[in-house]
Amino acid sequence: MNYDVEKQHRKKKYHAIERISLLFDRGSFCADEEDYDGVICGYGMINGKKVYVYAQDFTYMGGTIGIHHGERIADTIYEAIKERSPAIGMFDSAGARIDQGIQALAGCGKMLAATIKASGYIPQISLVMGPCAGAAVYSPILSDFVFAVNSISNMYVTGPAVVNQVTGESSDVESLGGANMHASVSGQIHKVCSSEKEAIAKVRELIDLICNQQIEYEDNEEPREIYVLPQESNKIYDMREFVKNYLDNGYLYELKERFAKSMFTGLGRIKGKTVGILASQPKFDAGVINYDASDKAAAFIRFCDAFDIPVITWVDTPGYLPGLEEERRGIIRHGAKLLYSYVEATTIKITVIVRKAFGGAYIAMGSKALGVDAVCALPNAQIGVMGVDSAIVILHRKEIDAIEDDIQKEKYIREFKEEYSKKLTAKDGIDRGYIDETVETDILRQWLENKLIVLQGRDTDSGIFKKHGNIPL
């Protein structure tokens, strides 16, 4: 096949075959020689691991999807399933072929069905390298991770012209379905990169973490600056930097960093073992849990569980975000997804309570009651139904309002806070078996290493056999 590479270059984009060359180890790609029809399919090696790929060629009929195009993608995914190998999709398409009518829709349906059947069985990664429109847009969204390129990638069910015609709303491609919108507002893109080269390099990095879950580790890390927690319990800090203290070489591969910022997710290694990191982020909105943060966390837990990647949860949250908008947007339903994901997951689950864990957020963020394997708390961590400021308002509002002297009022409040704070320590949780122990920051890394070793191979049989549960969607 003679590929029209220059046509893509004129648009400041790579051709599908060039993207594939950047993705795989040099000389390892083996193409499927079946009839072409605008999609390049085959497999190759990424750091020695076999990976399947399908890459749409925009220079051939705009990369549009016909029946044969869709079937070729589906066949590639089914081959990946047989080999238990990851599948990577490179999307650059104007959508379904209008002239094929129902056949084009059937082609889209077949590739979507294959993606769904592969879900949770093999890792699936999508690179959106141009337009991705109509029914076909569900293909990347149904995969595990979506990567995009700034100012090049866009995804939408209906384009700006049709939206304007039907609803009267005016928009452009970027505001309707651009990479930055999806990364920060809809939450449907995991990483936005500045170039196609960077996006492909990031995918190779992710494949290495997922497929090489245990690598040789030598304890010869270069000395690096340790991020220290602030002493003040209400001071903002960057949980991301604190967590890096305990990861090999301080390396964290963050996902969805622009979306639901009060919760962050990512992958790293501890003693060479890949682990999933789920954490409150006090740097944004004090680390509260809202409906978007709940969805982000639940989806991440379910991915890690599907591929047996341990989940380490780092908790510093005052609770769920209260408010009219949150309730109307379904915080109850979204929060339930987070609870469901922890209980359903059978991978290793470890929780570190860093500074505070209050109310329903304590339960939802990897508590022992949800079946988490190990829970520790830092020595000064506070755990309870609510913090001192909220508790005094609910428990002693009448008494405080009745005190007229300001000095006496301040004394009453101070004494209550001192007494109530004693009830928030981890000791009660340890005595009752809900927290295993308190751990100092300087030995936390060793504690995590030991737990990962001890929990490997534990029994995860719940004794309840069913087709599937019914997660609130």
Protein backbone atom coordinates (compact mmCIF):
# COMPACT_ATOMS: atom_id res chain seq x y z
CA MET A 1 0.00 0.00 0.00
CA ASN A 2 1.33 3.45 -0.93
CA TYR A 3 0.51 5.74 1.96
CA ASP A 4 -0.05 9.45 1.27
CA VAL A 5 2.22 10.63 4.07
CA GLU A 6 2.63 14.19 2.76
CA LYS A 7 -1.11 14.81 2.96
CA GLN A 8 -0.94 14.36 6.73
CA HIS A 9 2.25 16.39 7.02
CA ARG A 10 0.52 19.36 5.40
CA LYS A 11 -1.88 19.24 8.34
CA LYS A 12 1.08 19.09 10.76
CA LYS A 13 0.15 15.52 11.67
CA TYR A 14 1.87 12.16 11.34
CA HIS A 15 0.53 9.46 9.08
CA ALA A 16 -0.81 6.28 10.69
CA ILE A 17 2.22 4.26 9.58
CA GLU A 18 4.60 6.83 11.09
CA ARG A 19 2.67 6.72 14.37
CA ILE A 20 3.00 2.94 14.42
CA SER A 21 6.76 3.21 13.78
CA LEU A 22 7.09 5.52 16.80
CA LEU A 23 4.99 3.22 18.97
CA PHE A 24 6.78 -0.09 18.56
CA ASP A 25 10.32 -1.26 19.20
CA ARG A 26 12.33 -0.75 16.02
CA GLY A 27 11.57 -3.28 13.29
CA SER A 28 9.08 -5.27 15.38
CA PHE A 29 5.79 -4.32 13.67
CA CYS A 30 4.03 -7.05 11.70
CA ALA A 31 1.15 -5.77 9.60
CA ASP A 32 -2.05 -7.63 8.83
CA GLU A 33 -1.98 -7.92 5.03
CA GLU A 34 -5.75 -8.21 4.64
CA ASP A 35 -7.62 -5.75 2.35
CA TYR A 36 -6.68 -2.24 3.47
CA ASP A 37 -9.85 -0.10 3.69
CA GLY A 38 -8.26 2.80 5.58
CA VAL A 39 -7.03 1.14 8.75
CA ILE A 40 -3.60 -0.36 9.44
CA CYS A 41 -3.77 -3.38 11.75
CA GLY A 42 -1.15 -5.68 13.23
CA TYR A 43 1.09 -6.20 16.22
CA GLY A 44 4.56 -5.35 17.46
CA MET A 45 6.68 -5.18 20.59
CA ILE A 46 6.86 -2.46 23.25
CA ASN A 47 9.82 -3.00 25.55
CA GLY A 48 9.67 -6.67 24.61
CA LYS A 49 5.90 -7.08 25.23
CA LYS A 50 3.55 -8.04 22.39
CA VAL A 51 0.91 -5.37 21.70
CA TYR A 52 -1.78 -5.18 18.99
CA VAL A 53 -2.64 -1.98 17.15
CA TYR A 54 -5.22 -0.57 14.76
CA ALA A 55 -4.52 2.85 13.28
CA GLN A 56 -6.93 4.80 11.09
CA ASP A 57 -5.55 6.44 7.95
CA PHE A 58 -7.17 9.84 7.43
CA THR A 59 -5.72 10.09 3.92
CA TYR A 60 -7.98 7.22 2.81
CA MET A 61 -11.58 8.43 2.62
CA GLY A 62 -11.04 10.61 5.68
CA GLY A 63 -10.42 7.52 7.81
CA THR A 64 -14.17 6.87 7.68
CA ILE A 65 -15.58 3.62 9.02
CA GLY A 66 -17.28 1.21 6.66
CA ILE A 67 -18.32 -2.35 7.32
CA HIS A 68 -14.94 -3.85 6.42
CA HIS A 69 -13.01 -1.11 8.27
CA GLY A 70 -14.99 -1.83 11.46
CA GLU A 71 -14.63 -5.59 11.06
CA ARG A 72 -10.86 -5.31 10.70
CA ILE A 73 -10.64 -3.35 13.96
CA ALA A 74 -12.89 -5.89 15.69
CA ASP A 75 -10.78 -8.78 14.38
CA THR A 76 -7.61 -7.12 15.71
CA ILE A 77 -9.13 -6.76 19.17
CA TYR A 78 -10.25 -10.40 19.15
CA GLU A 79 -6.71 -11.45 18.20
CA ALA A 80 -5.42 -9.43 21.14
CA ILE A 81 -7.92 -11.22 23.39
CA LYS A 82 -6.65 -14.63 22.19
CA GLU A 83 -3.07 -13.61 22.93
CA ARG A 84 -4.00 -11.83 26.20
CA SER A 85 -2.09 -8.84 24.83
CA PRO A 86 -2.89 -5.11 25.13
CA ALA A 87 -4.66 -3.40 22.23
CA ILE A 88 -3.96 0.18 21.17
CA GLY A 89 -6.28 2.16 18.91
CA MET A 90 -5.16 5.23 16.94
CA PHE A 91 -8.20 7.27 15.98
CA ASP A 92 -8.22 9.78 13.11
CA SER A 93 -11.56 9.57 11.37
CA ALA A 94 -14.44 11.67 10.10
CA GLY A 95 -16.89 9.01 11.32
CA ALA A 96 -19.13 6.45 9.63
CA ARG A 97 -19.29 6.34 5.80
CA ILE A 98 -22.54 8.01 4.88
CA ASP A 99 -22.84 6.25 1.53
CA GLN A 100 -22.79 2.81 3.22
CA GLY A 101 -25.78 3.56 5.43
CA ILE A 102 -26.64 0.77 7.85
CA GLN A 103 -23.54 -1.23 6.88
CA ALA A 104 -21.29 1.57 8.12
CA LEU A 105 -23.24 1.64 11.39
CA ALA A 106 -22.85 -2.13 11.66
CA GLY A 107 -19.09 -1.71 11.20
CA CYS A 108 -19.04 0.78 14.09
CA GLY A 109 -21.16 -1.58 16.18
CA LYS A 110 -18.82 -4.52 15.62
CA MET A 111 -15.73 -2.58 16.74
CA LEU A 112 -17.64 -1.31 19.81
CA ALA A 113 -18.79 -4.83 20.71
CA ALA A 114 -15.22 -6.12 20.49
CA THR A 115 -13.97 -3.29 22.71
CA ILE A 116 -16.61 -4.08 25.32
CA LYS A 117 -15.88 -7.81 25.27
CA ALA A 118 -12.18 -7.10 25.78
CA SER A 119 -12.84 -4.70 28.67
CA GLY A 120 -11.21 -5.86 31.89
CA TYR A 121 -9.57 -8.81 30.13
CA ILE A 122 -6.84 -6.99 28.21
CA PRO A 123 -5.61 -3.40 28.68
CA GLN A 124 -6.99 -1.09 25.97
CA ILE A 125 -5.46 2.30 25.22
CA SER A 126 -6.72 4.88 22.73
CA LEU A 127 -4.78 7.65 21.02
CA VAL A 128 -7.06 10.28 19.51
CA MET A 129 -4.87 11.85 16.81
CA GLY A 130 -7.44 13.91 14.94
CA PRO A 131 -11.23 13.93 14.68
CA CYS A 132 -13.26 11.16 16.28
CA ALA A 133 -16.95 11.71 15.70
CA GLY A 134 -20.39 10.13 15.79
CA ALA A 135 -21.02 6.60 17.02
CA ALA A 136 -17.31 5.74 16.65
CA VAL A 137 -16.42 8.11 19.49
CA TYR A 138 -17.60 5.48 21.95
CA SER A 139 -14.71 3.21 20.98
CA PRO A 140 -11.99 5.25 22.74
CA ILE A 141 -14.30 6.06 25.64
CA LEU A 142 -14.91 2.34 26.22
CA SER A 143 -11.17 1.69 26.42
CA ASP A 144 -9.19 2.01 29.66
CA PHE A 145 -7.17 5.12 28.81
CA VAL A 146 -7.54 7.94 26.30
CA PHE A 147 -4.63 10.11 25.15
CA ALA A 148 -5.00 13.26 23.09
CA VAL A 149 -2.86 15.93 21.44
CA ASN A 150 -3.48 19.60 22.12
CA SER A 151 -5.11 21.48 19.19
CA ILE A 152 -5.24 18.29 17.06
CA SER A 153 -7.55 15.86 18.87
CA ASN A 154 -11.30 16.27 19.16
CA MET A 155 -14.17 13.98 20.12
CA TYR A 156 -17.90 14.58 19.87
CA VAL A 157 -21.09 12.72 19.08
CA THR A 158 -22.43 15.60 16.99
CA GLY A 159 -20.33 18.29 15.28
CA PRO A 160 -20.70 22.08 15.66
CA ALA A 161 -22.72 22.58 12.44
CA VAL A 162 -25.37 20.02 13.39
CA VAL A 163 -25.50 21.24 17.00
CA ASN A 164 -26.17 24.76 15.73
CA GLN A 165 -28.82 23.57 13.29
CA VAL A 166 -30.69 21.50 15.87
CA THR A 167 -30.30 23.54 19.07
CA GLY A 168 -29.22 26.98 17.88
CA GLU A 169 -26.10 26.79 20.05
CA SER A 170 -22.90 28.16 18.54
CA SER A 171 -19.60 26.44 19.23
CA ASP A 172 -16.32 25.56 17.62
CA VAL A 173 -14.56 22.20 17.52
CA GLU A 174 -12.29 23.03 20.48
CA SER A 175 -15.02 24.18 22.86
CA LEU A 176 -17.36 21.36 21.82
CA GLY A 177 -14.95 18.45 21.84
CA GLY A 178 -11.35 19.61 22.05
CA ALA A 179 -8.67 17.85 24.07
CA ASN A 180 -8.52 20.47 26.81
CA MET A 181 -12.28 20.51 27.30
CA HIS A 182 -12.44 16.73 27.66
CA ALA A 183 -9.41 16.67 29.97
CA SER A 184 -10.71 19.30 32.38
CA VAL A 185 -14.52 19.39 32.07
CA SER A 186 -15.95 16.07 30.83
CA GLY A 187 -13.10 14.00 32.29
CA GLN A 188 -12.94 11.68 29.29
CA ILE A 189 -9.26 12.14 28.44
CA HIS A 190 -6.52 10.85 30.73
CA LYS A 191 -3.59 12.76 29.26
CA VAL A 192 -3.26 15.73 26.93
CA CYS A 193 0.14 15.96 25.26
CA SER A 194 1.78 18.78 23.33
CA SER A 195 2.71 16.59 20.34
CA GLU A 196 2.00 13.19 18.81
CA LYS A 197 5.53 12.09 19.68
CA GLU A 198 4.97 12.91 23.36
CA ALA A 199 1.61 11.10 23.39
CA ILE A 200 3.09 7.95 21.88
CA ALA A 201 6.04 8.05 24.29
CA LYS A 202 3.62 8.35 27.22
CA VAL A 203 1.66 5.32 25.95
CA ARG A 204 4.86 3.27 25.78
CA GLU A 205 5.58 4.32 29.37
CA LEU A 206 2.10 3.27 30.50
CA ILE A 207 2.32 -0.10 28.73
CA ASP A 208 5.59 -0.77 30.56
CA LEU A 209 3.95 -0.09 33.95
CA ILE A 210 0.94 -2.29 33.19
CA CYS A 211 2.70 -5.20 31.46
CA ASN A 212 5.90 -5.29 33.50
CA GLN A 213 4.35 -5.21 36.95
CA GLN A 214 7.46 -6.47 38.72
CA ILE A 215 10.89 -5.32 37.61
CA GLU A 216 14.26 -5.78 39.22
CA TYR A 217 14.83 -3.14 41.86
CA GLU A 218 18.18 -2.04 43.18
CA ASP A 219 18.19 0.25 46.20
CA ASN A 220 20.67 2.73 44.78
CA GLU A 221 18.46 5.76 44.32
CA GLU A 222 20.09 9.17 44.19
CA PRO A 223 19.46 11.28 47.31
CA ARG A 224 16.50 13.60 46.72
CA GLU A 225 14.69 16.27 48.66
CA ILE A 226 12.02 14.80 50.94
CA TYR A 227 8.66 16.56 50.94
CA VAL A 228 7.60 17.18 54.55
CA LEU A 229 4.00 17.56 55.69
CA PRO A 230 3.16 20.94 57.23
CA GLN A 231 2.73 20.85 61.02
CA GLU A 232 -0.49 22.90 60.92
CA SER A 233 -3.45 20.54 60.42
CA ASN A 234 -5.37 22.99 58.22
CA LYS A 235 -2.51 24.13 55.97
CA ILE A 236 -2.69 23.38 52.25
CA TYR A 237 -0.03 21.08 50.81
CA ASP A 238 0.56 18.99 47.69
CA MET A 239 -0.30 15.35 48.41
CA ARG A 240 1.25 14.42 45.07
CA GLU A 241 4.68 15.48 46.30
CA PHE A 242 4.20 13.73 49.65
CA VAL A 243 3.27 10.43 47.99
CA LYS A 244 6.33 10.63 45.72
CA ASN A 245 8.47 10.27 48.87
CA TYR A 246 7.45 6.60 49.00
CA LEU A 247 7.68 5.62 45.33
CA ASP A 248 10.78 4.29 43.58
CA ASN A 249 12.83 7.27 42.36
CA GLY A 250 9.92 9.56 43.26
CA TYR A 251 8.26 8.53 40.00
CA LEU A 252 4.49 9.01 39.64
CA TYR A 253 2.61 8.52 36.36
CA GLU A 254 -0.44 10.68 36.99
CA LEU A 255 -3.74 10.18 35.14
CA LYS A 256 -6.57 12.68 34.60
CA GLU A 257 -4.51 15.38 36.31
CA ARG A 258 -6.73 18.17 34.95
CA PHE A 259 -10.04 16.64 36.04
CA ALA A 260 -11.60 16.49 39.54
CA LYS A 261 -8.42 17.88 41.06
CA SER A 262 -9.40 17.22 44.67
CA MET A 263 -8.62 13.55 43.97
CA PHE A 264 -5.59 12.31 42.07
CA THR A 265 -4.85 8.95 40.49
CA GLY A 266 -1.73 7.45 39.01
CA LEU A 267 0.72 4.58 38.83
CA GLY A 268 4.17 4.14 40.31
CA ARG A 269 6.43 1.43 41.70
CA ILE A 270 7.41 0.32 45.18
CA LYS A 271 10.48 -1.89 45.22
CA GLY A 272 9.98 -2.55 41.50
CA LYS A 273 6.29 -3.51 41.85
CA THR A 274 3.64 -1.50 39.99
CA VAL A 275 1.05 0.03 42.32
CA GLY A 276 -2.01 2.17 41.78
CA ILE A 277 -2.11 5.46 43.68
CA LEU A 278 -5.44 6.99 44.68
CA ALA A 279 -5.27 10.04 46.92
CA SER A 280 -7.08 13.03 48.33
CA GLN A 281 -5.49 16.28 47.15
CA PRO A 282 -5.71 19.00 49.84
CA LYS A 283 -4.16 21.45 47.38
CA PHE A 284 -7.55 21.69 45.64
CA ASP A 285 -10.81 22.28 47.55
CA ALA A 286 -9.20 20.90 50.72
CA GLY A 287 -9.42 17.38 49.26
CA VAL A 288 -13.22 17.12 49.41
CA ILE A 289 -14.99 14.37 47.46
CA ASN A 290 -17.48 15.57 44.84
CA TYR A 291 -19.39 13.67 42.15
CA ASP A 292 -16.60 13.95 39.57
CA ALA A 293 -13.93 12.87 42.06
CA SER A 294 -16.06 9.84 42.97
CA ASP A 295 -16.31 8.73 39.34
CA LYS A 296 -12.62 9.32 38.71
CA ALA A 297 -11.60 7.25 41.74
CA ALA A 298 -14.09 4.43 41.10
CA ALA A 299 -13.01 3.97 37.49
CA PHE A 300 -9.35 3.86 38.52
CA ILE A 301 -9.94 1.24 41.24
CA ARG A 302 -11.84 -0.94 38.78
CA PHE A 303 -9.00 -0.75 36.24
CA CYS A 304 -6.37 -1.68 38.84
CA ASP A 305 -8.52 -4.54 40.09
CA ALA A 306 -9.10 -5.92 36.58
CA PHE A 307 -5.34 -6.27 36.07
CA ASP A 308 -4.42 -7.15 39.66
CA ILE A 309 -2.52 -3.95 40.39
CA PRO A 310 -2.46 -3.17 44.15
CA VAL A 311 -4.28 0.03 45.13
CA ILE A 312 -2.75 2.28 47.79
CA THR A 313 -5.16 4.96 49.05
CA TRP A 314 -3.87 8.12 50.72
CA VAL A 315 -6.54 9.92 52.74
CA ASP A 316 -6.74 13.55 53.79
CA THR A 317 -10.30 14.71 53.33
CA PRO A 318 -12.84 16.70 55.35
CA GLY A 319 -15.70 14.79 53.70
CA TYR A 320 -18.08 14.92 50.77
CA LEU A 321 -18.74 18.33 49.24
CA PRO A 322 -22.08 19.65 50.54
CA GLY A 323 -24.45 21.78 48.49
CA LEU A 324 -27.53 22.00 46.33
CA GLU A 325 -25.64 21.47 43.07
CA GLU A 326 -23.89 18.35 44.37
CA GLU A 327 -27.15 16.76 45.48
CA ARG A 328 -28.87 17.59 42.21
CA ARG A 329 -26.00 16.16 40.20
CA GLY A 330 -26.31 12.90 42.10
CA ILE A 331 -23.48 12.86 44.64
CA ILE A 332 -25.29 9.95 46.36
CA ARG A 333 -25.19 7.84 43.19
CA HIS A 334 -21.65 8.87 42.26
CA GLY A 335 -20.36 8.34 45.79
CA ALA A 336 -21.94 4.89 45.80
CA LYS A 337 -19.77 3.95 42.80
CA LEU A 338 -16.69 4.59 44.90
CA LEU A 339 -17.96 2.41 47.74
CA TYR A 340 -18.93 -0.32 45.28
CA SER A 341 -15.54 -0.32 43.58
CA TYR A 342 -13.61 -0.85 46.83
CA VAL A 343 -15.83 -3.70 48.02
CA GLU A 344 -15.86 -5.41 44.61
CA ALA A 345 -12.10 -5.20 44.10
CA THR A 346 -10.08 -8.30 45.02
CA THR A 347 -6.64 -6.85 44.32
CA ILE A 348 -4.42 -5.84 47.26
CA LYS A 349 -5.88 -2.73 48.93
CA ILE A 350 -3.85 -0.65 51.40
CA THR A 351 -4.90 2.65 53.00
CA VAL A 352 -2.80 5.36 54.63
CA ILE A 353 -4.71 7.99 56.63
CA VAL A 354 -2.41 10.97 56.39
CA ARG A 355 -4.05 13.84 58.25
CA LYS A 356 -7.84 13.54 58.50
CA ALA A 357 -10.71 11.30 57.44
CA PHE A 358 -14.19 12.42 58.41
CA GLY A 359 -17.71 11.11 57.98
CA GLY A 360 -18.80 9.20 54.91
CA ALA A 361 -15.53 10.11 53.22
CA TYR A 362 -13.64 8.04 55.83
CA ILE A 363 -15.78 5.04 54.92
CA ALA A 364 -15.54 5.58 51.17
CA MET A 365 -11.78 6.16 50.99
CA GLY A 366 -10.64 2.61 51.60
CA SER A 367 -11.79 1.90 55.15
CA LYS A 368 -11.39 -1.52 56.79
CA ALA A 369 -15.20 -1.87 56.80
CA LEU A 370 -15.11 -2.02 52.98
CA GLY A 371 -12.74 -4.98 53.02
CA VAL A 372 -9.44 -3.16 52.63
CA ASP A 373 -6.53 -5.43 53.58
CA ALA A 374 -4.39 -3.05 55.64
CA VAL A 375 -4.94 0.42 57.11
CA CYS A 376 -2.44 2.60 58.91
CA ALA A 377 -2.60 6.17 60.14
CA LEU A 378 0.11 8.74 60.69
CA PRO A 379 0.48 9.54 64.42
CA ASN A 380 -1.39 12.86 64.32
CA ALA A 381 -4.18 11.74 61.97
CA GLN A 382 -7.76 12.56 62.97
CA ILE A 383 -10.67 10.18 62.28
CA GLY A 384 -14.29 10.75 63.21
CA VAL A 385 -17.79 11.62 62.13
CA MET A 386 -16.78 15.26 61.65
CA GLY A 387 -14.05 17.76 62.49
CA VAL A 388 -14.00 19.92 65.62
CA ASP A 389 -15.33 23.09 63.97
CA SER A 390 -18.42 21.33 62.65
CA ALA A 391 -18.95 19.30 65.83
CA ILE A 392 -19.04 22.28 68.16
CA VAL A 393 -21.67 24.01 66.03
CA ILE A 394 -23.94 20.94 66.07
CA LEU A 395 -23.38 19.82 69.65
CA HIS A 396 -23.03 23.12 71.55
CA ARG A 397 -24.59 25.93 69.51
CA LYS A 398 -27.17 26.81 72.20
CA GLU A 399 -24.60 26.84 75.00
CA ILE A 400 -22.23 29.04 73.00
CA ASP A 401 -24.98 31.48 72.02
CA ALA A 402 -26.02 31.74 75.68
CA ILE A 403 -22.55 32.91 76.82
CA GLU A 404 -22.44 36.70 76.60
CA ASP A 405 -18.87 37.28 77.75
CA ASP A 406 -16.49 36.90 74.78
CA ILE A 407 -13.57 35.70 76.90
CA GLN A 408 -15.72 32.98 78.51
CA LYS A 409 -17.07 32.01 75.11
CA GLU A 410 -13.59 31.59 73.67
CA LYS A 411 -12.57 29.53 76.71
CA TYR A 412 -15.61 27.26 76.33
CA ILE A 413 -14.87 26.70 72.64
CA ARG A 414 -11.17 26.07 73.28
CA GLU A 415 -11.87 23.52 76.01
CA PHE A 416 -14.41 21.72 73.85
CA LYS A 417 -11.99 21.54 70.94
CA GLU A 418 -9.22 20.17 73.14
CA GLU A 419 -11.51 17.50 74.60
CA TYR A 420 -13.15 16.57 71.30
CA SER A 421 -9.79 16.33 69.49
CA LYS A 422 -8.81 13.51 71.86
CA LYS A 423 -11.71 11.46 70.45
CA LEU A 424 -10.42 11.89 66.89
CA THR A 425 -7.11 10.09 67.37
CA ALA A 426 -6.38 6.77 65.70
CA LYS A 427 -6.18 4.97 69.07
CA ASP A 428 -9.88 4.13 69.24
CA GLY A 429 -9.76 2.74 65.69
CA ILE A 430 -6.73 0.61 66.56
CA ASP A 431 -8.37 -0.72 69.74
CA ARG A 432 -11.46 -1.76 67.76
CA GLY A 433 -9.53 -3.26 64.84
CA TYR A 434 -10.50 -0.69 62.20
CA ILE A 435 -6.96 0.62 61.92
CA ASP A 436 -3.96 -1.69 62.12
CA GLU A 437 -1.42 0.71 63.59
CA THR A 438 0.07 4.18 63.51
CA VAL A 439 3.19 4.52 61.40
CA GLU A 440 5.78 7.30 61.42
CA THR A 441 6.59 8.88 58.06
CA ASP A 442 10.22 7.76 58.19
CA ILE A 443 9.26 4.04 58.26
CA LEU A 444 6.13 4.26 56.09
CA ARG A 445 7.97 3.11 52.96
CA GLN A 446 9.15 -0.06 54.75
CA TRP A 447 5.63 -0.67 56.09
CA LEU A 448 4.19 -0.46 52.56
CA GLU A 449 6.87 -2.80 51.17
CA ASN A 450 6.15 -5.38 53.87
CA LYS A 451 2.39 -5.23 53.35
CA LEU A 452 2.75 -5.74 49.60
CA ILE A 453 4.80 -8.88 50.25
CA VAL A 454 2.64 -10.29 53.04
CA LEU A 455 -0.66 -9.75 51.19
CA GLN A 456 0.47 -11.38 47.97
CA GLY A 457 -1.45 -14.59 47.30
CA ARG A 458 -4.00 -14.11 50.10
CA ASP A 459 -7.43 -15.73 49.78
CA THR A 460 -9.95 -13.46 48.01
CA ASP A 461 -12.89 -15.84 47.69
CA SER A 462 -16.03 -14.11 48.98
CA GLY A 463 -18.13 -17.27 48.76
CA ILE A 464 -20.80 -15.36 46.86
CA PHE A 465 -21.19 -16.51 43.25
CA LYS A 466 -23.19 -14.35 40.86
CA LYS A 467 -23.26 -13.26 37.23
CA HIS A 468 -22.41 -9.69 38.23
CA GLY A 469 -23.44 -7.03 40.72
CA ASN A 470 -25.49 -3.97 39.86
CA ILE A 471 -23.27 -0.92 40.27
CA PRO A 472 -25.28 2.34 40.43
CA LEU A 473 -24.71 4.02 37.08
